[in-house]
């Protein structure tokens, strides 16, 4: 739906201006819009994957540190907080025990 709206805006507003001012003919403009409609989801997917992986590490760190806080309430058991970068390795080491 979002890409459809984006395509319509490109075709009607920007495209009309470009064709009217003879910067590009309508066939070339339509091909360019088609290429953008193919490239946009690919770029969005890569960016979204990068962002979601970053937040996944932070969520793991928060959950792990919450568990550490709860376990630190027990006598003779003190564990320092875990950095988001180290959270996946810490989770694997606990699961291996």
N, C-alpha and C. Protein backbone atom coordinates (compact mmCIF):
# COMPACT_ATOMS: atom_id res chain seq x y z
N UNK A 1 0.82 -1.19 0.00
CA UNK A 1 0.00 0.00 0.00
C UNK A 1 0.87 1.26 0.00
N UNK A 2 1.90 1.24 0.82
CA UNK A 2 2.78 2.40 0.90
C UNK A 2 3.53 2.60 -0.42
N UNK A 3 3.96 1.48 -1.01
CA UNK A 3 4.66 1.60 -2.30
C UNK A 3 3.71 2.09 -3.39
N UNK A 4 2.45 1.69 -3.32
CA UNK A 4 1.47 2.17 -4.30
C UNK A 4 1.29 3.68 -4.21
N UNK A 5 1.21 4.19 -3.00
CA UNK A 5 1.09 5.63 -2.81
C UNK A 5 2.35 6.35 -3.30
N UNK A 6 3.50 5.78 -2.98
CA UNK A 6 4.77 6.35 -3.42
C UNK A 6 4.84 6.38 -4.95
N UNK A 7 4.42 5.29 -5.59
CA UNK A 7 4.43 5.20 -7.05
C UNK A 7 3.50 6.24 -7.67
N UNK A 8 2.33 6.40 -7.08
CA UNK A 8 1.37 7.39 -7.59
C UNK A 8 1.93 8.80 -7.49
N UNK A 9 2.55 9.10 -6.37
CA UNK A 9 3.15 10.44 -6.20
C UNK A 9 4.25 10.65 -7.23
N UNK A 10 5.10 9.63 -7.42
CA UNK A 10 6.17 9.76 -8.42
C UNK A 10 5.59 9.95 -9.82
N UNK A 11 4.60 9.15 -10.15
CA UNK A 11 4.06 9.18 -11.51
C UNK A 11 3.31 10.48 -11.79
N UNK A 12 2.47 10.89 -10.87
CA UNK A 12 1.60 12.03 -11.15
C UNK A 12 2.26 13.39 -10.94
N UNK A 13 2.98 13.53 -9.89
CA UNK A 13 3.52 14.87 -9.61
C UNK A 13 4.90 15.07 -10.23
N UNK A 14 5.84 14.28 -9.77
CA UNK A 14 7.21 14.45 -10.25
C UNK A 14 7.31 14.06 -11.72
N UNK A 15 6.66 12.94 -12.08
CA UNK A 15 6.71 12.47 -13.46
C UNK A 15 6.12 13.46 -14.44
N UNK A 16 5.00 14.05 -14.07
CA UNK A 16 4.37 15.03 -14.95
C UNK A 16 5.29 16.23 -15.18
N UNK A 17 5.94 16.68 -14.12
CA UNK A 17 6.86 17.81 -14.25
C UNK A 17 8.05 17.45 -15.12
N UNK A 18 8.63 16.26 -14.91
CA UNK A 18 9.80 15.83 -15.68
C UNK A 18 9.47 15.68 -17.17
N UNK A 19 8.33 15.07 -17.46
CA UNK A 19 7.94 14.89 -18.87
C UNK A 19 7.58 16.22 -19.51
N UNK A 20 6.89 17.08 -18.75
CA UNK A 20 6.50 18.39 -19.27
C UNK A 20 7.71 19.24 -19.61
N UNK A 21 8.74 19.18 -18.78
CA UNK A 21 9.96 19.97 -19.02
C UNK A 21 10.95 19.25 -19.92
N UNK A 22 10.55 18.13 -20.48
CA UNK A 22 11.34 17.35 -21.43
C UNK A 22 12.71 16.93 -20.88
N UNK A 23 12.75 16.65 -19.59
CA UNK A 23 13.97 16.14 -18.98
C UNK A 23 14.13 14.66 -19.34
N UNK A 24 13.00 13.97 -19.41
CA UNK A 24 12.99 12.55 -19.72
C UNK A 24 11.66 12.24 -20.40
N UNK A 25 11.66 11.27 -21.33
CA UNK A 25 10.38 10.94 -21.96
C UNK A 25 9.59 10.00 -21.04
N UNK A 26 8.31 9.84 -21.32
CA UNK A 26 7.43 9.10 -20.41
C UNK A 26 7.80 7.62 -20.31
N UNK A 27 8.28 7.02 -21.40
CA UNK A 27 8.67 5.60 -21.36
C UNK A 27 9.86 5.40 -20.42
N UNK A 28 10.85 6.26 -20.52
CA UNK A 28 12.02 6.15 -19.65
C UNK A 28 11.63 6.41 -18.19
N UNK A 29 10.73 7.36 -17.98
CA UNK A 29 10.27 7.66 -16.63
C UNK A 29 9.55 6.46 -16.03
N UNK A 30 8.70 5.79 -16.81
CA UNK A 30 8.00 4.61 -16.32
C UNK A 30 8.97 3.49 -15.97
N UNK A 31 10.03 3.33 -16.76
CA UNK A 31 11.04 2.32 -16.45
C UNK A 31 11.78 2.66 -15.17
N UNK A 32 12.06 3.93 -14.97
CA UNK A 32 12.74 4.36 -13.75
C UNK A 32 11.85 4.12 -12.53
N UNK A 33 10.57 4.41 -12.64
CA UNK A 33 9.64 4.15 -11.53
C UNK A 33 9.59 2.66 -11.24
N UNK A 34 9.55 1.83 -12.28
CA UNK A 34 9.55 0.38 -12.09
C UNK A 34 10.79 -0.10 -11.37
N UNK A 35 11.94 0.45 -11.75
CA UNK A 35 13.19 0.07 -11.09
C UNK A 35 13.18 0.50 -9.61
N UNK A 36 12.65 1.67 -9.34
CA UNK A 36 12.55 2.13 -7.95
C UNK A 36 11.62 1.24 -7.14
N UNK A 37 10.53 0.78 -7.76
CA UNK A 37 9.58 -0.09 -7.06
C UNK A 37 10.19 -1.46 -6.76
N UNK A 38 11.16 -1.86 -7.56
CA UNK A 38 11.87 -3.12 -7.28
C UNK A 38 12.93 -2.90 -6.21
N UNK A 39 13.66 -1.81 -6.29
CA UNK A 39 14.78 -1.56 -5.37
C UNK A 39 14.31 -1.16 -3.97
N UNK A 40 13.22 -0.43 -3.86
CA UNK A 40 12.78 0.09 -2.56
C UNK A 40 12.52 -1.02 -1.54
N UNK A 41 11.78 -2.09 -1.86
CA UNK A 41 11.56 -3.14 -0.86
C UNK A 41 12.84 -3.87 -0.47
N UNK A 42 13.76 -4.02 -1.41
CA UNK A 42 15.02 -4.69 -1.10
C UNK A 42 15.82 -3.86 -0.10
N UNK A 43 15.92 -2.57 -0.37
CA UNK A 43 16.65 -1.67 0.52
C UNK A 43 15.97 -1.63 1.89
N UNK A 44 14.64 -1.55 1.89
CA UNK A 44 13.88 -1.50 3.15
C UNK A 44 14.13 -2.77 3.96
N UNK A 45 14.15 -3.92 3.29
CA UNK A 45 14.36 -5.19 3.97
C UNK A 45 15.72 -5.24 4.65
N UNK A 46 16.75 -4.79 3.96
CA UNK A 46 18.11 -4.80 4.52
C UNK A 46 18.19 -3.86 5.73
N UNK A 47 17.63 -2.67 5.61
CA UNK A 47 17.66 -1.71 6.71
C UNK A 47 16.86 -2.24 7.90
N UNK A 48 15.68 -2.80 7.64
CA UNK A 48 14.85 -3.33 8.71
C UNK A 48 15.53 -4.49 9.43
N UNK A 49 16.19 -5.36 8.70
CA UNK A 49 16.91 -6.49 9.31
C UNK A 49 18.03 -5.98 10.20
N UNK A 50 18.76 -4.98 9.74
CA UNK A 50 19.85 -4.41 10.54
C UNK A 50 19.31 -3.80 11.84
N UNK A 51 18.22 -3.06 11.74
CA UNK A 51 17.63 -2.41 12.92
C UNK A 51 17.09 -3.45 13.88
N UNK A 52 16.38 -4.46 13.37
CA UNK A 52 15.79 -5.47 14.26
C UNK A 52 16.85 -6.30 14.96
N UNK A 53 17.97 -6.60 14.29
CA UNK A 53 19.05 -7.33 14.94
C UNK A 53 19.68 -6.51 16.06
N UNK A 54 19.81 -5.21 15.83
CA UNK A 54 20.38 -4.33 16.85
C UNK A 54 19.48 -4.33 18.10
N UNK A 55 18.17 -4.19 17.89
CA UNK A 55 17.25 -4.15 19.02
C UNK A 55 17.11 -5.51 19.69
N UNK A 56 17.30 -6.60 18.94
CA UNK A 56 17.24 -7.93 19.54
C UNK A 56 18.35 -8.10 20.56
N UNK A 57 19.56 -7.64 20.23
CA UNK A 57 20.67 -7.73 21.17
C UNK A 57 20.38 -6.90 22.42
N UNK A 58 19.78 -5.73 22.24
CA UNK A 58 19.47 -4.89 23.39
C UNK A 58 18.39 -5.53 24.26
N UNK A 59 17.37 -6.16 23.63
CA UNK A 59 16.33 -6.85 24.40
C UNK A 59 16.91 -8.03 25.18
N UNK A 60 17.81 -8.78 24.54
CA UNK A 60 18.46 -9.90 25.24
C UNK A 60 19.24 -9.39 26.44
N UNK A 61 19.92 -8.28 26.27
CA UNK A 61 20.71 -7.70 27.36
C UNK A 61 19.81 -7.27 28.51
N UNK A 62 18.69 -6.64 28.19
CA UNK A 62 17.77 -6.19 29.24
C UNK A 62 17.21 -7.39 29.99
N UNK A 63 16.78 -8.43 29.25
CA UNK A 63 16.23 -9.62 29.90
C UNK A 63 17.28 -10.31 30.76
N UNK A 64 18.49 -10.41 30.25
CA UNK A 64 19.57 -11.05 30.99
C UNK A 64 19.91 -10.26 32.24
N UNK A 65 19.98 -8.94 32.13
CA UNK A 65 20.29 -8.11 33.30
C UNK A 65 19.17 -8.14 34.32
N UNK A 66 17.93 -8.28 33.86
CA UNK A 66 16.81 -8.41 34.80
C UNK A 66 16.95 -9.71 35.58
N UNK A 67 17.33 -10.78 34.89
CA UNK A 67 17.56 -12.06 35.58
C UNK A 67 18.71 -11.98 36.55
N UNK A 68 19.76 -11.27 36.17
CA UNK A 68 20.91 -11.09 37.06
C UNK A 68 20.49 -10.32 38.31
N UNK A 69 19.67 -9.30 38.11
CA UNK A 69 19.20 -8.50 39.25
C UNK A 69 18.40 -9.36 40.22
N UNK A 70 17.54 -10.21 39.68
CA UNK A 70 16.74 -11.09 40.54
C UNK A 70 17.63 -12.10 41.25
N UNK A 71 18.59 -12.68 40.52
CA UNK A 71 19.46 -13.69 41.15
C UNK A 71 20.41 -13.06 42.16
N UNK A 72 20.75 -11.79 41.99
CA UNK A 72 21.64 -11.13 42.94
C UNK A 72 20.99 -10.93 44.31
N UNK A 73 19.69 -11.10 44.37
CA UNK A 73 19.01 -10.99 45.66
C UNK A 73 19.30 -12.21 46.54
N UNK A 74 19.78 -13.27 45.94
CA UNK A 74 20.13 -14.47 46.71
C UNK A 74 21.49 -14.27 47.36
N UNK A 75 21.69 -14.79 48.56
CA UNK A 75 22.98 -14.62 49.24
C UNK A 75 24.12 -15.32 48.49
N UNK A 76 25.28 -14.74 48.53
CA UNK A 76 26.51 -15.29 47.94
C UNK A 76 26.45 -15.45 46.42
N UNK A 77 25.63 -14.70 45.75
CA UNK A 77 25.54 -14.80 44.29
C UNK A 77 25.49 -13.39 43.71
N UNK A 78 26.61 -12.85 43.31
CA UNK A 78 26.68 -11.51 42.73
C UNK A 78 27.27 -11.64 41.33
N UNK A 79 26.54 -11.17 40.33
CA UNK A 79 26.97 -11.21 38.93
C UNK A 79 26.88 -9.80 38.37
N UNK A 80 27.92 -9.33 37.66
CA UNK A 80 27.85 -7.98 37.07
C UNK A 80 26.91 -7.94 35.88
N UNK A 81 26.38 -6.76 35.54
CA UNK A 81 25.51 -6.62 34.36
C UNK A 81 26.24 -7.01 33.07
N UNK A 82 25.46 -7.35 32.05
CA UNK A 82 26.01 -7.78 30.77
C UNK A 82 25.76 -6.70 29.73
N UNK A 83 26.78 -6.40 28.94
CA UNK A 83 26.68 -5.43 27.84
C UNK A 83 25.86 -6.04 26.70
N UNK A 84 25.08 -5.22 25.96
CA UNK A 84 24.29 -5.76 24.84
C UNK A 84 25.10 -6.56 23.83
N UNK A 85 26.34 -6.19 23.59
CA UNK A 85 27.17 -6.90 22.62
C UNK A 85 27.49 -8.31 23.12
N UNK A 86 27.65 -8.45 24.44
CA UNK A 86 28.02 -9.74 25.03
C UNK A 86 26.82 -10.61 25.40
N UNK A 87 25.61 -10.09 25.27
CA UNK A 87 24.42 -10.83 25.71
C UNK A 87 24.25 -12.18 25.00
N UNK A 88 24.36 -12.27 23.66
CA UNK A 88 24.18 -13.59 23.02
C UNK A 88 25.16 -14.64 23.53
N UNK A 89 26.42 -14.26 23.72
CA UNK A 89 27.42 -15.21 24.22
C UNK A 89 27.12 -15.61 25.65
N UNK A 90 26.66 -14.68 26.46
CA UNK A 90 26.32 -14.99 27.85
C UNK A 90 25.14 -15.95 27.93
N UNK A 91 24.16 -15.75 27.07
CA UNK A 91 23.00 -16.64 27.04
C UNK A 91 23.42 -18.04 26.61
N UNK A 92 24.29 -18.15 25.60
CA UNK A 92 24.77 -19.46 25.17
C UNK A 92 25.56 -20.17 26.27
N UNK A 93 26.37 -19.42 27.02
CA UNK A 93 27.17 -20.04 28.06
C UNK A 93 26.29 -20.55 29.21
N UNK A 94 25.23 -19.83 29.51
CA UNK A 94 24.30 -20.28 30.55
C UNK A 94 23.52 -21.49 30.06
N UNK A 95 23.12 -21.50 28.81
CA UNK A 95 22.36 -22.62 28.26
C UNK A 95 23.22 -23.88 28.18
N UNK A 96 24.54 -23.73 28.01
CA UNK A 96 25.43 -24.87 27.91
C UNK A 96 25.69 -25.53 29.26
N UNK A 97 25.41 -24.82 30.35
CA UNK A 97 25.70 -25.37 31.70
C UNK A 97 24.71 -26.40 32.11
